[in-house]
């Protein structure tokens, strides 16, 4: 069956197909969202945490690193997905309660969010004498047991180190990480 099509209709159809093709190519770029500030902070926290973990050595190196998140947190959305360290070692991430009875045997490292003073005290009491690296999300926890305390701002994520807790933890930390903790955020 032959149907007569005017040159104007053919031109319009061709232009429409070209427009659809261009939109298909450009749509991912046009509609791609830049990460929100919260997402950017979560990604930065993930990178800092993975960096800290990569410079830590346990008495018996685990084949896969078990990172437990304890308490409500602000910046673990990206971290909770799990990942692989630069060395190829998988990092398995899971949430546990602060009072979990097997926290010492279930975790090589703990990422600590907001806990009551009593929960925090019980958690650190359970970690005494065990090679578990602890990272606190914020506040003044470096004075009460955490090895590392994150300092999260819109510009950067930095950390402090509690050298007393590092010495008692049984986890060895590479000296260059300790040097990095001495860097201060630029003054605003």
N, C-alpha and C. Protein backbone atom coordinates (compact mmCIF):
# COMPACT_ATOMS: atom_id res chain seq x y z
N UNK A 1 0.85 -1.16 0.00
CA UNK A 1 0.00 0.00 0.00
C UNK A 1 0.91 1.23 0.00
N UNK A 2 0.70 2.11 -0.91
CA UNK A 2 1.44 3.36 -1.00
C UNK A 2 0.57 4.50 -0.50
N UNK A 3 1.14 5.29 0.40
CA UNK A 3 0.41 6.43 0.94
C UNK A 3 1.19 7.67 0.56
N UNK A 4 0.51 8.63 0.08
CA UNK A 4 1.16 9.87 -0.31
C UNK A 4 1.43 10.71 0.94
N UNK A 5 2.69 11.15 1.12
CA UNK A 5 3.07 11.98 2.25
C UNK A 5 3.71 13.24 1.69
N UNK A 6 3.23 14.34 2.15
CA UNK A 6 3.76 15.61 1.64
C UNK A 6 5.18 15.82 2.17
N UNK A 7 6.02 16.58 1.47
CA UNK A 7 7.38 16.86 1.93
C UNK A 7 7.39 17.55 3.30
N UNK A 8 6.39 18.38 3.59
CA UNK A 8 6.33 19.06 4.89
C UNK A 8 6.12 18.05 6.01
N UNK A 9 5.26 17.05 5.78
CA UNK A 9 5.01 16.03 6.80
C UNK A 9 6.25 15.17 7.02
N UNK A 10 6.96 14.83 5.92
CA UNK A 10 8.18 14.05 6.04
C UNK A 10 9.23 14.82 6.83
N UNK A 11 9.35 16.09 6.56
CA UNK A 11 10.32 16.93 7.25
C UNK A 11 9.98 17.04 8.74
N UNK A 12 8.68 17.20 9.05
CA UNK A 12 8.24 17.30 10.45
C UNK A 12 8.53 15.99 11.19
N UNK A 13 8.25 14.86 10.56
CA UNK A 13 8.49 13.56 11.17
C UNK A 13 9.98 13.34 11.42
N UNK A 14 10.81 13.70 10.46
CA UNK A 14 12.25 13.55 10.60
C UNK A 14 12.77 14.42 11.73
N UNK A 15 12.27 15.67 11.81
CA UNK A 15 12.69 16.58 12.88
C UNK A 15 12.26 16.06 14.25
N UNK A 16 11.08 15.51 14.31
CA UNK A 16 10.60 14.97 15.58
C UNK A 16 11.48 13.80 16.03
N UNK A 17 11.86 12.93 15.11
CA UNK A 17 12.72 11.80 15.46
C UNK A 17 14.09 12.29 15.91
N UNK A 18 14.60 13.33 15.26
CA UNK A 18 15.89 13.90 15.64
C UNK A 18 15.80 14.51 17.05
N UNK A 19 14.71 15.21 17.35
CA UNK A 19 14.51 15.81 18.67
C UNK A 19 14.45 14.73 19.75
N UNK A 20 13.73 13.66 19.49
CA UNK A 20 13.64 12.56 20.45
C UNK A 20 15.02 11.94 20.68
N UNK A 21 15.79 11.76 19.63
CA UNK A 21 17.13 11.18 19.77
C UNK A 21 18.03 12.09 20.61
N UNK A 22 17.97 13.40 20.35
CA UNK A 22 18.79 14.34 21.11
C UNK A 22 18.38 14.33 22.57
N UNK A 23 17.08 14.32 22.85
CA UNK A 23 16.60 14.28 24.24
C UNK A 23 17.05 13.00 24.95
N UNK A 24 17.04 11.89 24.25
CA UNK A 24 17.48 10.64 24.87
C UNK A 24 18.96 10.69 25.24
N UNK A 25 19.74 11.34 24.41
CA UNK A 25 21.17 11.46 24.69
C UNK A 25 21.44 12.44 25.83
N UNK A 26 20.73 13.55 25.83
CA UNK A 26 20.99 14.60 26.82
C UNK A 26 20.24 14.41 28.14
N UNK A 27 19.19 13.66 28.17
CA UNK A 27 18.35 13.54 29.37
C UNK A 27 19.12 13.13 30.61
N UNK A 28 20.01 12.14 30.55
CA UNK A 28 20.73 11.79 31.78
C UNK A 28 21.54 12.96 32.34
N UNK A 29 22.10 13.79 31.46
CA UNK A 29 22.90 14.92 31.93
C UNK A 29 22.02 16.06 32.45
N UNK A 30 20.90 16.28 31.77
CA UNK A 30 20.02 17.38 32.16
C UNK A 30 19.32 17.08 33.48
N UNK A 31 18.87 15.85 33.65
CA UNK A 31 18.10 15.50 34.82
C UNK A 31 18.93 14.94 35.97
N UNK A 32 20.22 14.79 35.76
CA UNK A 32 21.08 14.29 36.84
C UNK A 32 21.11 15.33 37.95
N UNK A 33 20.96 14.85 39.18
CA UNK A 33 20.95 15.76 40.32
C UNK A 33 22.34 15.83 40.93
N UNK A 34 22.71 17.03 41.31
CA UNK A 34 23.94 17.15 42.08
C UNK A 34 23.61 16.69 43.49
N UNK A 35 24.57 16.06 44.16
CA UNK A 35 24.26 15.56 45.49
C UNK A 35 23.90 16.70 46.44
N UNK A 36 22.94 16.45 47.30
CA UNK A 36 22.57 17.43 48.31
C UNK A 36 23.74 17.57 49.28
N UNK A 37 23.77 18.66 50.06
CA UNK A 37 24.85 18.80 51.05
C UNK A 37 24.91 17.61 52.02
N UNK A 38 23.75 17.08 52.40
CA UNK A 38 23.73 15.93 53.31
C UNK A 38 24.34 14.70 52.65
N UNK A 39 24.02 14.49 51.36
CA UNK A 39 24.60 13.36 50.64
C UNK A 39 26.11 13.53 50.47
N UNK A 40 26.52 14.76 50.19
CA UNK A 40 27.96 15.02 50.04
C UNK A 40 28.69 14.77 51.35
N UNK A 41 28.10 15.18 52.47
CA UNK A 41 28.74 14.91 53.78
C UNK A 41 28.79 13.42 54.05
N UNK A 42 27.71 12.70 53.73
CA UNK A 42 27.70 11.25 53.95
C UNK A 42 28.78 10.57 53.11
N UNK A 43 28.97 11.01 51.87
CA UNK A 43 30.01 10.44 51.02
C UNK A 43 31.40 10.76 51.56
N UNK A 44 31.57 11.99 52.06
CA UNK A 44 32.87 12.38 52.63
C UNK A 44 33.16 11.58 53.90
N UNK A 45 32.15 11.37 54.74
CA UNK A 45 32.33 10.57 55.95
C UNK A 45 32.72 9.14 55.57
N UNK A 46 32.07 8.58 54.56
CA UNK A 46 32.41 7.23 54.12
C UNK A 46 33.88 7.16 53.71
N UNK A 47 34.35 8.14 52.95
CA UNK A 47 35.74 8.13 52.51
C UNK A 47 36.71 8.23 53.69
N UNK A 48 36.39 9.08 54.67
CA UNK A 48 37.27 9.22 55.84
C UNK A 48 37.27 7.93 56.65
N UNK A 49 36.10 7.35 56.88
CA UNK A 49 36.02 6.11 57.65
C UNK A 49 36.79 4.99 56.95
N UNK A 50 36.61 4.85 55.64
CA UNK A 50 37.35 3.81 54.90
C UNK A 50 38.85 4.08 54.95
N UNK A 51 39.23 5.35 54.90
CA UNK A 51 40.64 5.69 55.01
C UNK A 51 41.22 5.29 56.35
N UNK A 52 40.50 5.60 57.43
CA UNK A 52 40.95 5.22 58.77
C UNK A 52 41.08 3.70 58.86
N UNK A 53 40.07 3.00 58.38
CA UNK A 53 40.09 1.53 58.46
C UNK A 53 41.25 0.93 57.65
N UNK A 54 41.59 1.57 56.55
CA UNK A 54 42.66 1.02 55.71
C UNK A 54 44.04 1.15 56.37
N UNK A 55 44.17 2.07 57.32
CA UNK A 55 45.46 2.25 58.00
C UNK A 55 45.47 1.62 59.39
N UNK A 56 44.51 0.77 59.66
CA UNK A 56 44.45 0.06 60.94
C UNK A 56 44.85 -1.39 60.72
N UNK A 57 45.52 -1.97 61.71
CA UNK A 57 45.93 -3.37 61.66
C UNK A 57 45.48 -4.06 62.94
N UNK A 58 44.81 -5.18 62.76
CA UNK A 58 44.33 -5.97 63.88
C UNK A 58 45.32 -7.09 64.17
N UNK A 59 45.32 -7.61 65.41
CA UNK A 59 46.23 -8.71 65.74
C UNK A 59 46.07 -9.89 64.78
N UNK A 60 44.83 -10.18 64.40
CA UNK A 60 44.55 -11.18 63.37
C UNK A 60 43.72 -10.45 62.31
N UNK A 61 44.32 -10.25 61.13
CA UNK A 61 43.65 -9.50 60.08
C UNK A 61 42.42 -10.25 59.58
N UNK A 62 41.26 -9.61 59.62
CA UNK A 62 40.04 -10.26 59.11
C UNK A 62 40.02 -10.29 57.58
N UNK A 63 39.50 -11.37 57.02
CA UNK A 63 39.39 -11.48 55.56
C UNK A 63 38.40 -10.45 55.03
N UNK A 64 37.32 -10.25 55.78
CA UNK A 64 36.39 -9.17 55.47
C UNK A 64 36.18 -8.38 56.75
N UNK A 65 36.20 -7.09 56.62
CA UNK A 65 36.12 -6.21 57.77
C UNK A 65 34.65 -6.04 58.15
N UNK A 66 34.35 -6.25 59.42
CA UNK A 66 32.97 -6.14 59.92
C UNK A 66 32.84 -4.82 60.67
N UNK A 67 32.13 -3.88 60.06
CA UNK A 67 31.89 -2.57 60.65
C UNK A 67 30.46 -2.53 61.15
N UNK A 68 30.30 -2.25 62.45
CA UNK A 68 28.97 -2.19 63.03
C UNK A 68 28.62 -0.74 63.35
N UNK A 69 27.42 -0.35 62.99
CA UNK A 69 26.92 0.98 63.30
C UNK A 69 26.04 0.86 64.53
N UNK A 70 26.37 1.67 65.55
CA UNK A 70 25.67 1.59 66.83
C UNK A 70 25.03 2.94 67.13
N UNK A 71 23.74 2.94 67.38
CA UNK A 71 23.04 4.17 67.72
C UNK A 71 22.60 4.95 66.49
N UNK A 72 21.71 5.91 66.71
CA UNK A 72 21.25 6.77 65.61
C UNK A 72 22.41 7.61 65.07
N UNK A 73 22.50 7.70 63.74
CA UNK A 73 23.60 8.43 63.09
C UNK A 73 23.05 9.39 62.05
N UNK A 74 23.86 10.36 61.66
CA UNK A 74 23.48 11.32 60.63
C UNK A 74 24.12 11.03 59.28
N UNK A 75 25.30 10.43 59.27
CA UNK A 75 26.10 10.41 58.05
C UNK A 75 26.42 9.01 57.53
N UNK A 76 25.62 8.02 57.86
CA UNK A 76 25.97 6.66 57.45
C UNK A 76 25.18 6.15 56.25
N UNK A 77 24.38 7.02 55.61
CA UNK A 77 23.58 6.56 54.47
C UNK A 77 24.44 5.93 53.38
N UNK A 78 25.57 6.54 53.10
CA UNK A 78 26.46 6.01 52.07
C UNK A 78 27.25 4.81 52.59
N UNK A 79 27.63 4.86 53.85
CA UNK A 79 28.45 3.81 54.46
C UNK A 79 27.68 2.50 54.61
N UNK A 80 26.40 2.59 54.92
CA UNK A 80 25.60 1.39 55.22
C UNK A 80 25.47 0.47 54.00
N UNK A 81 25.72 1.00 52.81
CA UNK A 81 25.62 0.19 51.59
C UNK A 81 26.71 -0.87 51.53
N UNK A 82 27.75 -0.71 52.35
CA UNK A 82 28.86 -1.64 52.29
C UNK A 82 29.76 -1.28 51.12
N UNK A 83 30.96 -1.73 51.19
CA UNK A 83 31.91 -1.35 50.16
C UNK A 83 33.12 -2.27 50.19
N UNK A 84 34.10 -1.95 49.40
CA UNK A 84 35.36 -2.68 49.38
C UNK A 84 36.48 -1.67 49.58
N UNK A 85 37.44 -2.02 50.42
CA UNK A 85 38.58 -1.15 50.63
C UNK A 85 39.48 -1.16 49.40
N UNK A 86 40.38 -0.19 49.32
CA UNK A 86 41.31 -0.10 48.19
C UNK A 86 42.14 -1.37 48.05
N UNK A 87 42.35 -2.08 49.16
CA UNK A 87 43.13 -3.32 49.14
C UNK A 87 42.34 -4.49 48.58
N UNK A 88 41.04 -4.29 48.35
CA UNK A 88 40.19 -5.37 47.86
C UNK A 88 39.43 -6.08 48.96
N UNK A 89 39.72 -5.74 50.21
CA UNK A 89 39.02 -6.39 51.33
C UNK A 89 37.60 -5.83 51.44
N UNK A 90 36.60 -6.72 51.45
CA UNK A 90 35.22 -6.24 51.59
C UNK A 90 34.96 -5.70 53.00
N UNK A 91 34.12 -4.68 53.06
CA UNK A 91 33.68 -4.13 54.34
C UNK A 91 32.18 -4.42 54.44
N UNK A 92 31.83 -5.25 55.41
CA UNK A 92 30.44 -5.62 55.64
C UNK A 92 29.93 -4.72 56.76
N UNK A 93 28.86 -3.99 56.47
CA UNK A 93 28.33 -3.02 57.43
C UNK A 93 26.96 -3.48 57.90
N UNK A 94 26.74 -3.38 59.22
CA UNK A 94 25.42 -3.71 59.76
C UNK A 94 25.17 -2.88 61.01
N UNK A 95 23.91 -2.74 61.35
CA UNK A 95 23.51 -1.99 62.54
C UNK A 95 23.33 -2.96 63.70
N UNK A 96 23.80 -2.54 64.87
CA UNK A 96 23.62 -3.31 66.09
C UNK A 96 23.20 -2.37 67.22
N UNK A 97 22.54 -2.91 68.19
CA UNK A 97 22.23 -2.15 69.40
C UNK A 97 23.49 -2.05 70.25
N UNK A 98 23.59 -0.99 71.02
CA UNK A 98 24.77 -0.78 71.87
C UNK A 98 24.93 -1.92 72.87
N UNK A 99 23.83 -2.53 73.29
CA UNK A 99 23.88 -3.61 74.28
C UNK A 99 23.92 -5.01 73.66
N UNK A 100 24.19 -5.09 72.37
CA UNK A 100 24.22 -6.41 71.71
C UNK A 100 25.25 -7.28 72.43
N UNK A 101 24.87 -8.48 72.85
CA UNK A 101 25.78 -9.30 73.65
C UNK A 101 27.04 -9.77 72.91
N UNK A 102 26.99 -9.86 71.60
CA UNK A 102 28.14 -10.36 70.84
C UNK A 102 28.85 -9.27 70.07
N UNK A 103 28.72 -8.03 70.50
CA UNK A 103 29.30 -6.92 69.72
C UNK A 103 30.80 -7.09 69.52
N UNK A 104 31.49 -7.62 70.52
CA UNK A 104 32.95 -7.79 70.43
C UNK A 104 33.31 -8.86 69.39
N UNK A 105 32.55 -9.92 69.33
CA UNK A 105 32.86 -10.99 68.37
C UNK A 105 32.24 -10.74 67.00
N UNK A 106 31.28 -9.82 66.91
CA UNK A 106 30.60 -9.55 65.64
C UNK A 106 31.19 -8.37 64.88
N UNK A 107 32.07 -7.58 65.54
CA UNK A 107 32.54 -6.34 64.93
C UNK A 107 34.05 -6.19 65.06
N UNK A 108 34.68 -5.79 63.96
CA UNK A 108 36.10 -5.41 64.00
C UNK A 108 36.22 -3.92 64.27
N UNK A 109 35.18 -3.19 63.90
CA UNK A 109 35.14 -1.74 64.12
C UNK A 109 33.70 -1.34 64.40
N UNK A 110 33.53 -0.30 65.21
CA UNK A 110 32.19 0.23 65.48
C UNK A 110 32.17 1.72 65.15
N UNK A 111 31.09 2.11 64.50
CA UNK A 111 30.83 3.51 64.18
C UNK A 111 29.71 3.90 65.14
N UNK A 112 29.97 4.87 66.02
CA UNK A 112 29.06 5.17 67.11
C UNK A 112 28.33 6.48 66.85
N UNK A 113 27.02 6.40 66.89
CA UNK A 113 26.17 7.59 66.75
C UNK A 113 25.80 8.14 68.12
N UNK A 114 24.61 8.67 68.21
CA UNK A 114 24.14 9.24 69.48
C UNK A 114 23.71 8.13 70.43
N UNK A 115 24.34 8.12 71.59
CA UNK A 115 24.00 7.18 72.65
C UNK A 115 23.88 7.95 73.95
N UNK A 116 23.09 7.41 74.87
CA UNK A 116 23.04 8.03 76.19
C UNK A 116 24.38 7.76 76.88
N UNK A 117 24.66 8.52 77.92
CA UNK A 117 25.92 8.33 78.65
C UNK A 117 26.01 6.91 79.19
N UNK A 118 24.91 6.35 79.64
CA UNK A 118 24.90 4.99 80.17
C UNK A 118 25.16 3.97 79.07
N UNK A 119 24.51 4.13 77.91
CA UNK A 119 24.75 3.20 76.79
C UNK A 119 26.21 3.27 76.34
N UNK A 120 26.72 4.48 76.25
CA UNK A 120 28.11 4.68 75.83
C UNK A 120 29.07 4.01 76.81
N UNK A 121 28.81 4.18 78.09
CA UNK A 121 29.66 3.58 79.12
C UNK A 121 29.65 2.06 79.03
N UNK A 122 28.47 1.49 78.87
CA UNK A 122 28.36 0.03 78.76
C UNK A 122 29.05 -0.48 77.49
N UNK A 123 28.90 0.26 76.38
CA UNK A 123 29.54 -0.15 75.13
C UNK A 123 31.05 -0.17 75.29
N UNK A 124 31.63 0.92 75.83
CA UNK A 124 33.09 0.97 75.97
C UNK A 124 33.59 -0.03 77.00
N UNK A 125 32.80 -0.32 78.02
CA UNK A 125 33.18 -1.35 78.99
C UNK A 125 33.26 -2.71 78.30
N UNK A 126 32.32 -2.99 77.39
CA UNK A 126 32.34 -4.29 76.69
C UNK A 126 33.52 -4.38 75.71
N UNK A 127 34.02 -3.23 75.23
CA UNK A 127 35.12 -3.25 74.26
C UNK A 127 36.50 -3.35 74.90
N UNK A 128 36.59 -3.09 76.21
CA UNK A 128 37.89 -3.10 76.89
C UNK A 128 38.56 -4.46 76.72
N UNK A 129 39.82 -4.41 76.31
CA UNK A 129 40.61 -5.64 76.15
C UNK A 129 40.40 -6.36 74.84
N UNK A 130 39.60 -5.78 73.94
CA UNK A 130 39.32 -6.42 72.64
C UNK A 130 39.78 -5.49 71.51
N UNK A 131 40.35 -6.05 70.45
CA UNK A 131 40.83 -5.23 69.34
C UNK A 131 39.69 -4.77 68.43
N UNK A 132 38.95 -3.78 68.90
CA UNK A 132 37.84 -3.21 68.13
C UNK A 132 38.11 -1.73 67.97
N UNK A 133 38.18 -1.27 66.73
CA UNK A 133 38.39 0.14 66.45
C UNK A 133 37.06 0.87 66.58
N UNK A 134 37.05 2.01 67.26
CA UNK A 134 35.81 2.76 67.44
C UNK A 134 35.94 4.16 66.85
N UNK A 135 34.88 4.56 66.15
CA UNK A 135 34.81 5.88 65.52
C UNK A 135 33.50 6.51 65.96
N UNK A 136 33.57 7.67 66.58
CA UNK A 136 32.37 8.39 67.01
C UNK A 136 32.03 9.46 66.00
N UNK A 137 30.73 9.62 65.79
CA UNK A 137 30.28 10.56 64.77
C UNK A 137 30.46 12.02 65.17
N UNK A 138 30.46 12.33 66.42
CA UNK A 138 30.62 13.72 66.80
C UNK A 138 30.58 13.90 68.30
N UNK A 139 30.64 15.14 68.73
CA UNK A 139 30.61 15.44 70.16
C UNK A 139 31.97 15.30 70.78
N UNK A 140 32.02 15.11 72.08
CA UNK A 140 33.28 15.05 72.82
C UNK A 140 33.68 13.63 73.20
N UNK A 141 33.30 12.65 72.37
CA UNK A 141 33.55 11.26 72.72
C UNK A 141 35.02 10.89 72.77
N UNK A 142 35.90 11.66 72.18
CA UNK A 142 37.31 11.29 72.20
C UNK A 142 37.88 11.31 73.61
N UNK A 143 37.23 11.98 74.51
CA UNK A 143 37.70 12.01 75.89
C UNK A 143 37.14 10.85 76.69
N UNK A 144 36.21 10.09 76.12
CA UNK A 144 35.58 9.02 76.89
C UNK A 144 35.63 7.66 76.22
N UNK A 145 36.62 7.39 75.37
CA UNK A 145 36.78 6.03 74.90
C UNK A 145 36.93 5.77 73.42
N UNK A 146 36.38 6.60 72.55
CA UNK A 146 36.53 6.34 71.12
C UNK A 146 37.97 6.54 70.68
N UNK A 147 38.39 5.75 69.70
CA UNK A 147 39.71 5.93 69.14
C UNK A 147 39.73 7.17 68.24
N UNK A 148 38.68 7.32 67.42
CA UNK A 148 38.57 8.43 66.48
C UNK A 148 37.24 9.14 66.69
N UNK A 149 37.26 10.46 66.54
CA UNK A 149 36.05 11.28 66.61
C UNK A 149 35.98 12.14 65.36
N UNK A 150 34.90 11.99 64.62
CA UNK A 150 34.75 12.75 63.39
C UNK A 150 34.29 14.17 63.69
N UNK A 151 34.74 15.09 62.88
CA UNK A 151 34.31 16.49 62.91
C UNK A 151 33.79 16.79 61.50
N UNK A 152 32.48 16.89 61.37
CA UNK A 152 31.86 17.04 60.07
C UNK A 152 31.35 18.47 59.90
N UNK A 153 31.78 19.09 58.81
CA UNK A 153 31.27 20.42 58.46
C UNK A 153 30.92 20.41 56.98
N UNK A 154 30.36 21.51 56.51
CA UNK A 154 30.02 21.59 55.08
C UNK A 154 31.27 21.59 54.21
N UNK A 155 32.39 22.09 54.75
CA UNK A 155 33.61 22.20 53.95
C UNK A 155 34.44 20.92 53.94
N UNK A 156 34.48 20.19 55.06
CA UNK A 156 35.32 19.00 55.11
C UNK A 156 34.92 18.10 56.28
N UNK A 157 35.48 16.90 56.24
CA UNK A 157 35.36 15.97 57.35
C UNK A 157 36.76 15.76 57.89
N UNK A 158 36.95 16.04 59.16
CA UNK A 158 38.24 15.81 59.79
C UNK A 158 38.01 14.90 60.99
N UNK A 159 39.07 14.57 61.71
CA UNK A 159 38.92 13.70 62.87
C UNK A 159 39.98 14.00 63.91
N UNK A 160 39.65 13.60 65.11
CA UNK A 160 40.60 13.66 66.22
C UNK A 160 40.90 12.23 66.63
N UNK A 161 42.05 12.07 67.28
CA UNK A 161 42.47 10.74 67.73
C UNK A 161 42.67 10.78 69.24
N UNK A 162 42.13 9.79 69.93
CA UNK A 162 42.37 9.63 71.35
C UNK A 162 43.53 8.64 71.49
N UNK A 163 44.73 9.15 71.69
CA UNK A 163 45.93 8.31 71.71
C UNK A 163 45.90 7.30 72.86
N UNK A 164 45.30 7.66 73.98
CA UNK A 164 45.19 6.73 75.11
C UNK A 164 44.33 5.53 74.71
N UNK A 165 43.20 5.79 74.06
CA UNK A 165 42.33 4.70 73.62
C UNK A 165 42.99 3.85 72.55
N UNK A 166 43.74 4.48 71.64
CA UNK A 166 44.46 3.73 70.60
C UNK A 166 45.46 2.79 71.25
N UNK A 167 46.20 3.28 72.25
CA UNK A 167 47.22 2.45 72.92
C UNK A 167 46.60 1.25 73.62
N UNK A 168 45.40 1.41 74.15
CA UNK A 168 44.76 0.31 74.89
C UNK A 168 43.91 -0.60 74.03
N UNK A 169 43.68 -0.24 72.77
CA UNK A 169 42.71 -0.98 71.96
C UNK A 169 43.22 -2.31 71.42
N UNK A 170 44.53 -2.44 71.20
CA UNK A 170 45.04 -3.64 70.56
C UNK A 170 45.04 -3.53 69.05
N UNK A 171 44.50 -2.42 68.51
CA UNK A 171 44.50 -2.16 67.08
C UNK A 171 45.65 -1.20 66.81
N UNK A 172 46.51 -1.53 65.86
CA UNK A 172 47.63 -0.64 65.52
C UNK A 172 47.18 0.32 64.43
N UNK A 173 47.52 1.58 64.61
CA UNK A 173 47.16 2.62 63.66
C UNK A 173 48.45 3.18 63.05
N UNK A 174 48.50 3.28 61.73
CA UNK A 174 49.68 3.79 61.05
C UNK A 174 49.93 5.23 61.50
N UNK A 175 51.18 5.60 61.74
CA UNK A 175 51.49 6.94 62.23
C UNK A 175 51.03 8.08 61.31
N UNK A 176 50.95 7.83 60.00
CA UNK A 176 50.52 8.92 59.11
C UNK A 176 49.07 9.32 59.37
N UNK A 177 48.23 8.39 59.83
CA UNK A 177 46.85 8.73 60.18
C UNK A 177 46.85 9.63 61.41
N UNK A 178 47.73 9.33 62.34
CA UNK A 178 47.82 10.16 63.53
C UNK A 178 48.26 11.57 63.17
N UNK A 179 49.14 11.70 62.17
CA UNK A 179 49.56 13.02 61.70
C UNK A 179 48.41 13.77 61.03
N UNK A 180 47.59 13.04 60.26
CA UNK A 180 46.46 13.68 59.58
C UNK A 180 45.48 14.28 60.58
N UNK A 181 45.35 13.67 61.74
CA UNK A 181 44.40 14.17 62.73
C UNK A 181 44.82 15.52 63.27
N UNK A 182 46.08 15.87 63.12
CA UNK A 182 46.57 17.15 63.63
C UNK A 182 46.23 18.32 62.72
N UNK A 183 45.83 18.01 61.47
CA UNK A 183 45.46 19.11 60.56
C UNK A 183 44.16 19.73 61.04
N UNK A 184 44.07 21.01 60.96
CA UNK A 184 42.88 21.73 61.40
C UNK A 184 42.11 22.22 60.18
N UNK A 185 40.82 22.36 60.38
CA UNK A 185 39.99 22.90 59.31
C UNK A 185 40.35 24.36 59.08
N UNK A 186 40.26 24.84 57.85
CA UNK A 186 40.56 26.24 57.58
C UNK A 186 39.57 27.15 58.31
N UNK A 187 40.05 28.27 58.79
CA UNK A 187 39.17 29.20 59.50
C UNK A 187 38.17 29.83 58.53
N UNK A 188 36.94 29.93 58.97
CA UNK A 188 35.89 30.48 58.10
C UNK A 188 35.77 31.97 58.30
